[in-house]
């Protein structure tokens, strides 16, 4: 009796099945590539926007910290007004030197808008402070160095200044005191939209050192003198009981 051969249960895929599997794999990979191509640029744009906002926030914090450290320093012995010149687009002031390349002492800092390669940028520059010779204006004497770009176009930074009356104006020239508050307004390009990172900063010092304390000392001296007079009043003579 002739025995029949049994079918092989370990047979592999047929050629048609392999081709179908490859086609399905290609479709899946193509769909993933399409989705990734559409999603990845949006992801990069969002990431760039977040990093840009962080850099803008850091720059605004640095500018505010710089301005709050402004000190009442006259440019020379002959002049009593502080070296501070503020306009709508730039400000120049004196502060304690800060940074690894700065020495001990004071430095003149200028923060303002200028042109770099045909584009507007907000730049921070500095110069070591030394008393000016008599008859020399600050614009002739100041030669700033170490430029640092803080903001780039289309961003534009403007300044406004207020004294004790808290009324803001666009300039602060030849004043006997430093402004009390400085407003930093950041605009975006041609739309002139004000960004939320705009802020105000208060100066730690707005008058010459010793003025207020000197007045207080005089007042205290008067009070002390007055109390001393009160204590030094002669005692009334004792009544003679006899």
Protein backbone atom coordinates (compact mmCIF):
# COMPACT_ATOMS: atom_id res chain seq x y z
CA UNK A 1 0.00 0.00 0.00
CA UNK A 2 1.41 3.38 -1.07
CA UNK A 3 1.46 6.01 1.68
CA UNK A 4 0.59 9.64 0.92
CA UNK A 5 3.04 12.41 1.91
CA UNK A 6 1.59 14.70 4.51
CA UNK A 7 1.60 18.55 3.92
CA UNK A 8 4.51 20.46 5.48
CA UNK A 9 3.21 22.55 8.38
CA UNK A 10 6.45 24.62 8.58
CA UNK A 11 6.00 26.24 5.16
CA UNK A 12 6.95 30.04 5.09
CA UNK A 13 5.25 33.07 3.53
CA UNK A 14 4.47 32.99 -0.08
CA UNK A 15 5.88 35.63 -2.39
CA UNK A 16 2.53 37.40 -2.63
CA UNK A 17 2.23 37.64 1.16
CA UNK A 18 5.73 39.08 1.44
CA UNK A 19 4.97 41.69 -1.21
CA UNK A 20 1.76 42.69 0.55
CA UNK A 21 3.61 43.05 3.88
CA UNK A 22 6.26 45.21 2.24
CA UNK A 23 3.60 47.40 0.65
CA UNK A 24 1.83 47.89 3.97
CA UNK A 25 5.13 48.74 5.69
CA UNK A 26 5.88 51.30 2.99
CA UNK A 27 2.46 52.91 3.45
CA UNK A 28 2.93 53.16 7.22
CA UNK A 29 6.42 54.64 6.87
CA UNK A 30 5.18 57.12 4.25
CA UNK A 31 2.35 58.25 6.53
CA UNK A 32 4.77 58.68 9.46
CA UNK A 33 7.16 60.68 7.29
CA UNK A 34 4.33 62.96 6.15
CA UNK A 35 3.15 63.57 9.71
CA UNK A 36 6.69 64.21 10.92
CA UNK A 37 7.35 66.63 8.07
CA UNK A 38 4.26 68.63 8.96
CA UNK A 39 4.74 68.50 12.75
CA UNK A 40 8.50 69.01 13.06
CA UNK A 41 8.65 72.58 11.60
CA UNK A 42 5.84 73.68 13.90
CA UNK A 43 7.71 72.14 16.83
CA UNK A 44 10.90 73.97 15.83
CA UNK A 45 9.04 77.26 15.47
CA UNK A 46 7.49 76.84 18.91
CA UNK A 47 10.85 75.97 20.44
CA UNK A 48 12.51 78.96 18.78
CA UNK A 49 9.72 81.21 20.06
CA UNK A 50 10.18 79.95 23.62
CA UNK A 51 13.96 80.43 23.50
CA UNK A 52 13.54 83.89 21.98
CA UNK A 53 11.09 84.92 24.72
CA UNK A 54 13.52 83.68 27.37
CA UNK A 55 16.35 85.71 25.85
CA UNK A 56 14.16 88.81 25.70
CA UNK A 57 13.15 88.35 29.34
CA UNK A 58 16.79 87.98 30.41
CA UNK A 59 17.75 91.10 28.44
CA UNK A 60 14.96 93.16 30.03
CA UNK A 61 15.95 91.96 33.50
CA UNK A 62 19.56 92.93 32.86
CA UNK A 63 18.59 96.41 31.65
CA UNK A 64 16.32 96.95 34.66
CA UNK A 65 19.05 95.80 37.06
CA UNK A 66 21.57 98.11 35.39
CA UNK A 67 19.30 101.13 35.68
CA UNK A 68 18.30 100.44 39.27
CA UNK A 69 22.01 100.54 40.23
CA UNK A 70 22.54 104.05 38.79
CA UNK A 71 24.38 106.32 41.22
CA UNK A 72 24.42 110.07 41.85
CA UNK A 73 27.88 110.93 40.53
CA UNK A 74 28.67 114.42 39.13
CA UNK A 75 30.96 114.41 36.08
CA UNK A 76 33.43 116.85 37.71
CA UNK A 77 34.03 118.84 40.87
CA UNK A 78 32.70 121.99 39.25
CA UNK A 79 29.39 120.40 38.32
CA UNK A 80 26.95 119.31 41.00
CA UNK A 81 24.36 117.67 38.77
CA UNK A 82 24.60 113.89 38.32
CA UNK A 83 25.95 112.35 35.14
CA UNK A 84 22.66 111.04 33.79
CA UNK A 85 21.27 111.67 30.34
CA UNK A 86 18.07 110.01 29.24
CA UNK A 87 16.10 110.17 26.02
CA UNK A 88 13.31 108.09 24.53
CA UNK A 89 15.72 105.64 22.86
CA UNK A 90 18.89 105.75 24.99
CA UNK A 91 20.12 106.39 28.50
CA UNK A 92 23.60 107.11 29.90
CA UNK A 93 24.39 106.81 33.61
CA UNK A 94 27.07 105.90 36.18
CA UNK A 95 27.06 102.76 38.27
CA UNK A 96 29.46 100.56 40.21
CA UNK A 97 31.62 98.55 37.83
CA UNK A 98 30.31 95.04 37.28
CA UNK A 99 31.70 92.10 35.34
CA UNK A 100 34.85 89.98 35.01
CA UNK A 101 36.57 92.53 32.74
CA UNK A 102 35.70 95.52 34.91
CA UNK A 103 37.99 96.93 37.52
CA UNK A 104 37.09 98.23 40.94
CA UNK A 105 35.36 101.58 40.84
CA UNK A 106 32.68 103.26 38.75
CA UNK A 107 31.79 102.92 35.11
CA UNK A 108 29.71 104.86 32.63
CA UNK A 109 27.02 102.72 30.99
CA UNK A 110 25.09 103.56 27.85
CA UNK A 111 22.05 101.52 26.78
CA UNK A 112 20.44 102.58 23.56
CA UNK A 113 19.46 101.94 20.01
CA UNK A 114 22.03 101.92 17.23
CA UNK A 115 22.56 100.41 13.78
CA UNK A 116 24.48 97.19 13.27
CA UNK A 117 24.94 95.99 9.66
CA UNK A 118 21.93 97.99 8.57
CA UNK A 119 19.64 96.64 11.33
CA UNK A 120 18.52 98.32 14.52
CA UNK A 121 19.81 96.80 17.74
CA UNK A 122 19.70 97.78 21.40
CA UNK A 123 23.29 97.91 22.59
CA UNK A 124 24.96 98.12 26.00
CA UNK A 125 28.39 99.75 26.13
CA UNK A 126 30.53 100.96 29.00
CA UNK A 127 33.54 103.12 29.83
CA UNK A 128 35.63 103.53 33.00
CA UNK A 129 34.57 106.63 34.91
CA UNK A 130 37.02 109.39 35.70
CA UNK A 131 36.25 113.04 36.58
CA UNK A 132 36.00 115.17 33.45
CA UNK A 133 38.40 118.08 32.86
CA UNK A 134 36.87 121.55 33.31
CA UNK A 135 34.93 122.79 30.31
CA UNK A 136 34.61 119.37 28.64
CA UNK A 137 31.13 118.07 27.86
CA UNK A 138 30.28 114.41 28.57
CA UNK A 139 29.66 113.73 24.86
CA UNK A 140 33.25 114.75 24.08
CA UNK A 141 34.78 112.78 26.95
CA UNK A 142 32.89 109.47 26.93
CA UNK A 143 34.31 106.73 24.69
CA UNK A 144 32.45 103.51 25.40
CA UNK A 145 33.77 99.99 24.77
CA UNK A 146 32.67 96.34 25.13
CA UNK A 147 29.45 96.45 23.07
CA UNK A 148 26.87 93.81 23.98
CA UNK A 149 23.74 93.31 21.87
CA UNK A 150 20.70 93.00 24.12
CA UNK A 151 17.80 93.20 21.66
CA UNK A 152 17.51 92.95 17.88
CA UNK A 153 15.00 94.15 15.31
CA UNK A 154 12.07 94.02 15.01
CA UNK A 155 12.13 94.70 18.77
CA UNK A 156 12.54 98.34 19.84
CA UNK A 157 13.03 99.55 23.40
CA UNK A 158 11.93 102.98 24.61
CA UNK A 159 12.46 104.73 27.95
CA UNK A 160 10.32 107.07 30.03
CA UNK A 161 11.37 108.82 33.26
CA UNK A 162 9.47 110.02 36.30
CA UNK A 163 10.46 111.99 39.38
CA UNK A 164 8.78 112.07 42.79
CA UNK A 165 5.58 113.30 41.10
CA UNK A 166 5.44 109.97 39.17
CA UNK A 167 4.62 111.77 35.92
CA UNK A 168 6.48 110.07 33.06
CA UNK A 169 8.22 111.95 30.27
CA UNK A 170 10.43 110.99 27.35
CA UNK A 171 13.65 112.72 28.42
CA UNK A 172 15.72 113.49 31.50
CA UNK A 173 18.44 116.08 30.82
CA UNK A 174 20.43 118.36 33.14
CA UNK A 175 18.38 117.52 36.23
CA UNK A 176 19.52 118.07 39.81
CA UNK A 177 18.32 114.60 40.76
CA UNK A 178 18.15 111.19 39.18
CA UNK A 179 14.73 109.96 38.09
CA UNK A 180 12.90 107.95 40.67
CA UNK A 181 11.31 105.49 38.24
CA UNK A 182 12.20 104.46 34.69
CA UNK A 183 9.68 102.73 32.44
CA UNK A 184 10.98 100.22 29.88
CA UNK A 185 8.56 99.69 27.00
CA UNK A 186 9.32 97.00 24.43
CA UNK A 187 7.58 97.32 21.06
CA UNK A 188 7.35 94.69 18.35
CA UNK A 189 8.23 95.84 14.84
CA UNK A 190 5.98 97.87 12.60
CA UNK A 191 2.85 96.86 14.52
CA UNK A 192 4.12 98.85 17.52
CA UNK A 193 2.53 96.24 19.79
CA UNK A 194 3.70 96.54 23.40
CA UNK A 195 5.03 93.24 24.71
CA UNK A 196 4.18 91.87 28.13
CA UNK A 197 7.82 91.89 29.23
CA UNK A 198 7.71 95.70 29.43
CA UNK A 199 8.39 96.79 32.98
CA UNK A 200 9.34 99.64 35.31
CA UNK A 201 12.37 99.86 37.56
CA UNK A 202 12.99 102.05 40.58
CA UNK A 203 16.38 103.62 41.19
CA UNK A 204 17.91 102.90 44.57
CA UNK A 205 19.41 106.42 44.78
CA UNK A 206 17.96 109.64 43.36
CA UNK A 207 19.87 112.36 45.24
CA UNK A 208 23.41 113.08 46.36
CA UNK A 209 24.65 110.98 49.25
CA UNK A 210 24.47 112.77 52.58
CA UNK A 211 21.83 115.34 51.69
CA UNK A 212 18.98 113.64 53.42
CA UNK A 213 21.09 112.28 56.24
CA UNK A 214 22.57 115.72 56.73
CA UNK A 215 19.13 117.28 57.12
CA UNK A 216 18.10 114.50 59.45
CA UNK A 217 21.23 115.06 61.53
CA UNK A 218 20.46 118.75 61.80
CA UNK A 219 16.92 118.00 62.87
CA UNK A 220 18.15 115.47 65.40
CA UNK A 221 20.69 118.01 66.62
CA UNK A 222 17.92 120.56 67.13
CA UNK A 223 15.82 118.05 68.98
CA UNK A 224 18.75 116.98 71.14
CA UNK A 225 19.64 120.59 71.81
CA UNK A 226 16.06 121.35 72.66
CA UNK A 227 15.90 118.46 75.09
CA UNK A 228 19.22 119.54 76.55
CA UNK A 229 17.82 123.01 77.16
CA UNK A 230 14.82 121.44 78.81
CA UNK A 231 17.09 119.41 81.07
CA UNK A 232 19.34 122.37 81.79
CA UNK A 233 16.56 124.56 83.12
CA UNK A 234 17.54 125.74 86.63
CA UNK A 235 15.65 124.17 89.45
CA UNK A 236 13.15 126.44 91.17
CA UNK A 237 14.42 127.73 94.56
CA UNK A 238 13.12 125.79 97.51
CA UNK A 239 10.36 127.47 99.48
CA UNK A 240 11.41 128.48 102.95
CA UNK A 241 8.90 127.00 105.32
CA UNK A 242 9.90 129.32 108.13
